[in-house]
Amino acid sequence: MLLVGGVALGIWLIIEEVRSKIHDKEPDSRHDAILLLLVFALGGLSLIGPPLLLWTARRRPWGPGRFLWFAHGTAAWLLWPPVVYQRTRGQGGLQNSMSEVCFFYGTPLMAVYVTLSLLAGGHLSRSRRRRIHRSWEEIFGVLLGLAWACTGLYLISLFYRNDIFGR
């Protein structure tokens, strides 16, 4: 139930901008709306991580899944308060909020960096995962981290396309 509430909060934060992009006549605006929904829905799922993981921290050791979930959830906890404040004042949107821009671009890119570091360090290999009890939090954290990393790779491809090919 908390995860659904987190997703609802994430979508609420960005819904006005998504509506305007859907009704926009530019061909890429619908594409941008889907990307906004994805990033903020993942942010809502991530938001639940830090309190939940800190509550159970003493009972279980942290593996890569809990680490990924906590890192992305911390980004939401640190960057969403100004976004919520601006949204309640009716001034939401990427053009008005530096925190929203940082969350939208920074969190998926952080996921790429952290996931690649965990892969390079062997922390996502099968032999290492068996040492730590694979609870639902661990598995969910890995899947959430991989979803964030895929979103980050997509953003990197957009950056390359724009900067190298000028499209």
Protein backbone atom coordinates (compact mmCIF):
# COMPACT_ATOMS: atom_id res chain seq x y z
CA MET A 1 0.00 0.00 0.00
CA LEU A 2 2.90 2.35 0.75
CA LEU A 3 4.41 1.69 -2.67
CA VAL A 4 1.13 2.58 -4.40
CA GLY A 5 0.94 5.77 -2.32
CA GLY A 6 4.50 6.64 -3.33
CA VAL A 7 3.71 6.19 -7.02
CA ALA A 8 0.58 8.32 -6.61
CA LEU A 9 2.63 11.10 -5.00
CA GLY A 10 5.19 10.94 -7.79
CA ILE A 11 2.52 11.19 -10.48
CA TRP A 12 0.76 14.01 -8.62
CA LEU A 13 3.99 16.01 -8.62
CA ILE A 14 4.26 15.95 -12.41
CA ILE A 15 0.70 15.50 -13.67
CA GLU A 16 0.14 19.11 -14.76
CA GLU A 17 3.25 19.12 -16.90
CA VAL A 18 2.32 15.73 -18.37
CA ARG A 19 -1.14 17.02 -19.29
CA SER A 20 0.33 20.05 -21.06
CA LYS A 21 2.83 17.88 -22.94
CA ILE A 22 0.13 15.44 -24.05
CA HIS A 23 -1.94 18.27 -25.54
CA ASP A 24 1.09 19.91 -27.13
CA LYS A 25 1.42 19.66 -30.92
CA GLU A 26 5.16 18.91 -30.97
CA PRO A 27 5.94 15.28 -31.90
CA ASP A 28 8.39 14.73 -29.04
CA SER A 29 6.16 16.15 -26.32
CA ARG A 30 4.18 12.93 -25.77
CA HIS A 31 7.44 11.07 -25.60
CA ASP A 32 8.64 13.55 -22.92
CA ALA A 33 5.39 13.06 -21.00
CA ILE A 34 5.95 9.30 -20.80
CA LEU A 35 9.52 9.83 -19.64
CA LEU A 36 8.37 12.27 -16.94
CA LEU A 37 5.74 9.80 -15.72
CA LEU A 38 8.30 6.98 -15.62
CA VAL A 39 10.92 8.95 -13.71
CA PHE A 40 8.50 10.30 -11.12
CA ALA A 41 6.70 6.95 -10.71
CA LEU A 42 10.08 5.32 -10.04
CA GLY A 43 10.78 8.18 -7.65
CA GLY A 44 7.59 7.40 -5.77
CA LEU A 45 8.62 3.76 -5.43
CA SER A 46 12.06 4.86 -4.27
CA LEU A 47 10.64 7.31 -1.73
CA ILE A 48 9.38 4.48 0.47
CA GLY A 49 12.83 2.86 0.68
CA PRO A 50 14.78 4.90 3.25
CA PRO A 51 12.24 4.80 6.10
CA LEU A 52 11.43 1.15 5.49
CA LEU A 53 15.06 0.08 5.19
CA LEU A 54 16.17 2.10 8.22
CA TRP A 55 13.37 0.53 10.24
CA THR A 56 14.66 -2.98 9.41
CA ALA A 57 18.38 -2.09 9.20
CA ARG A 58 19.45 -3.76 12.43
CA ARG A 59 17.79 -7.04 11.61
CA ARG A 60 19.34 -7.71 8.21
CA PRO A 61 22.60 -6.84 6.47
CA TRP A 62 22.33 -4.68 3.38
CA GLY A 63 23.09 -6.08 -0.03
CA PRO A 64 23.20 -4.28 -3.37
CA GLY A 65 19.39 -4.16 -3.67
CA ARG A 66 18.86 -2.37 -0.40
CA PHE A 67 21.79 -0.09 -1.19
CA LEU A 68 20.30 0.88 -4.57
CA TRP A 69 16.82 1.41 -3.12
CA PHE A 70 18.17 3.56 -0.29
CA ALA A 71 20.30 5.69 -2.65
CA HIS A 72 17.43 6.46 -5.01
CA GLY A 73 15.00 7.00 -2.16
CA THR A 74 17.40 9.45 -0.55
CA ALA A 75 17.45 11.44 -3.79
CA ALA A 76 13.66 11.70 -3.61
CA TRP A 77 13.69 12.69 0.07
CA LEU A 78 16.27 15.41 -0.56
CA LEU A 79 14.91 16.84 -3.82
CA TRP A 80 11.13 16.47 -3.58
CA PRO A 81 10.32 18.90 -0.71
CA PRO A 82 10.94 22.00 -2.89
CA VAL A 83 9.03 20.33 -5.73
CA VAL A 84 6.06 19.66 -3.43
CA TYR A 85 6.24 23.24 -2.15
CA GLN A 86 6.18 24.69 -5.67
CA ARG A 87 3.44 22.29 -6.74
CA THR A 88 1.21 23.36 -3.85
CA ARG A 89 1.77 27.01 -4.84
CA GLY A 90 0.78 26.21 -8.44
CA GLN A 91 4.26 26.80 -9.85
CA GLY A 92 5.31 23.25 -10.72
CA GLY A 93 7.20 22.20 -13.80
CA LEU A 94 10.74 21.60 -14.96
CA GLN A 95 11.07 25.20 -16.10
CA ASN A 96 10.38 26.53 -12.56
CA SER A 97 12.14 24.07 -10.27
CA MET A 98 15.86 23.36 -10.16
CA SER A 99 15.18 20.51 -7.70
CA GLU A 100 12.86 18.89 -10.22
CA VAL A 101 15.45 19.20 -12.97
CA CYS A 102 18.13 17.71 -10.72
CA PHE A 103 15.85 14.81 -9.78
CA PHE A 104 14.74 14.20 -13.36
CA TYR A 105 18.26 14.07 -14.79
CA GLY A 106 20.46 13.28 -11.81
CA THR A 107 18.75 10.27 -10.28
CA PRO A 108 18.66 8.11 -13.44
CA LEU A 109 22.28 9.00 -14.17
CA MET A 110 23.25 8.15 -10.58
CA ALA A 111 21.60 4.78 -11.10
CA VAL A 112 23.81 4.10 -14.11
CA TYR A 113 26.96 4.99 -12.16
CA VAL A 114 26.08 3.00 -9.06
CA THR A 115 24.83 -0.05 -10.98
CA LEU A 116 27.97 -0.13 -13.12
CA SER A 117 30.08 0.15 -9.95
CA LEU A 118 28.20 -2.73 -8.32
CA LEU A 119 28.59 -4.83 -11.47
CA ALA A 120 32.31 -4.04 -11.76
CA GLY A 121 32.83 -4.88 -8.09
CA GLY A 122 31.04 -8.21 -8.45
CA HIS A 123 28.31 -7.27 -6.01
CA LEU A 124 25.51 -8.30 -8.37
CA SER A 125 26.97 -11.71 -9.21
CA ARG A 126 25.13 -14.85 -8.15
CA SER A 127 27.75 -16.05 -5.68
CA ARG A 128 27.66 -12.80 -3.72
CA ARG A 129 23.87 -12.52 -3.65
CA ARG A 130 23.54 -15.89 -1.96
CA ARG A 131 25.54 -14.73 1.05
CA ILE A 132 22.87 -12.19 1.93
CA HIS A 133 19.34 -13.38 2.48
CA ARG A 134 17.36 -12.46 -0.62
CA SER A 135 14.32 -10.87 0.94
CA TRP A 136 11.70 -9.05 -1.06
CA GLU A 137 13.45 -5.76 -0.20
CA GLU A 138 16.71 -6.97 -1.73
CA ILE A 139 15.08 -8.26 -4.91
CA PHE A 140 12.83 -5.20 -5.23
CA GLY A 141 15.81 -2.89 -4.73
CA VAL A 142 17.81 -4.60 -7.48
CA LEU A 143 14.86 -4.49 -9.89
CA LEU A 144 14.16 -0.84 -9.03
CA GLY A 145 17.84 0.03 -9.46
CA LEU A 146 17.90 -1.68 -12.84
CA ALA A 147 14.77 0.21 -13.94
CA TRP A 148 16.44 3.47 -12.88
CA ALA A 149 19.63 2.47 -14.71
CA CYS A 150 17.72 1.69 -17.91
CA THR A 151 16.07 5.10 -17.67
CA GLY A 152 19.50 6.65 -17.18
CA LEU A 153 20.92 4.85 -20.21
CA TYR A 154 18.04 6.17 -22.25
CA LEU A 155 18.75 9.72 -21.06
CA ILE A 156 22.43 9.27 -21.94
CA SER A 157 21.42 8.16 -25.43
CA LEU A 158 19.33 11.34 -25.76
CA PHE A 159 22.32 13.43 -24.65
CA TYR A 160 24.59 11.73 -27.19
CA ARG A 161 22.02 12.11 -29.94
CA ASN A 162 21.61 15.79 -29.22
CA ASP A 163 25.28 16.67 -28.64
CA ILE A 164 26.89 14.55 -31.35
CA PHE A 165 24.24 14.35 -34.05
CA GLY A 166 22.42 17.60 -33.30
CA ARG A 167 18.95 16.06 -33.24
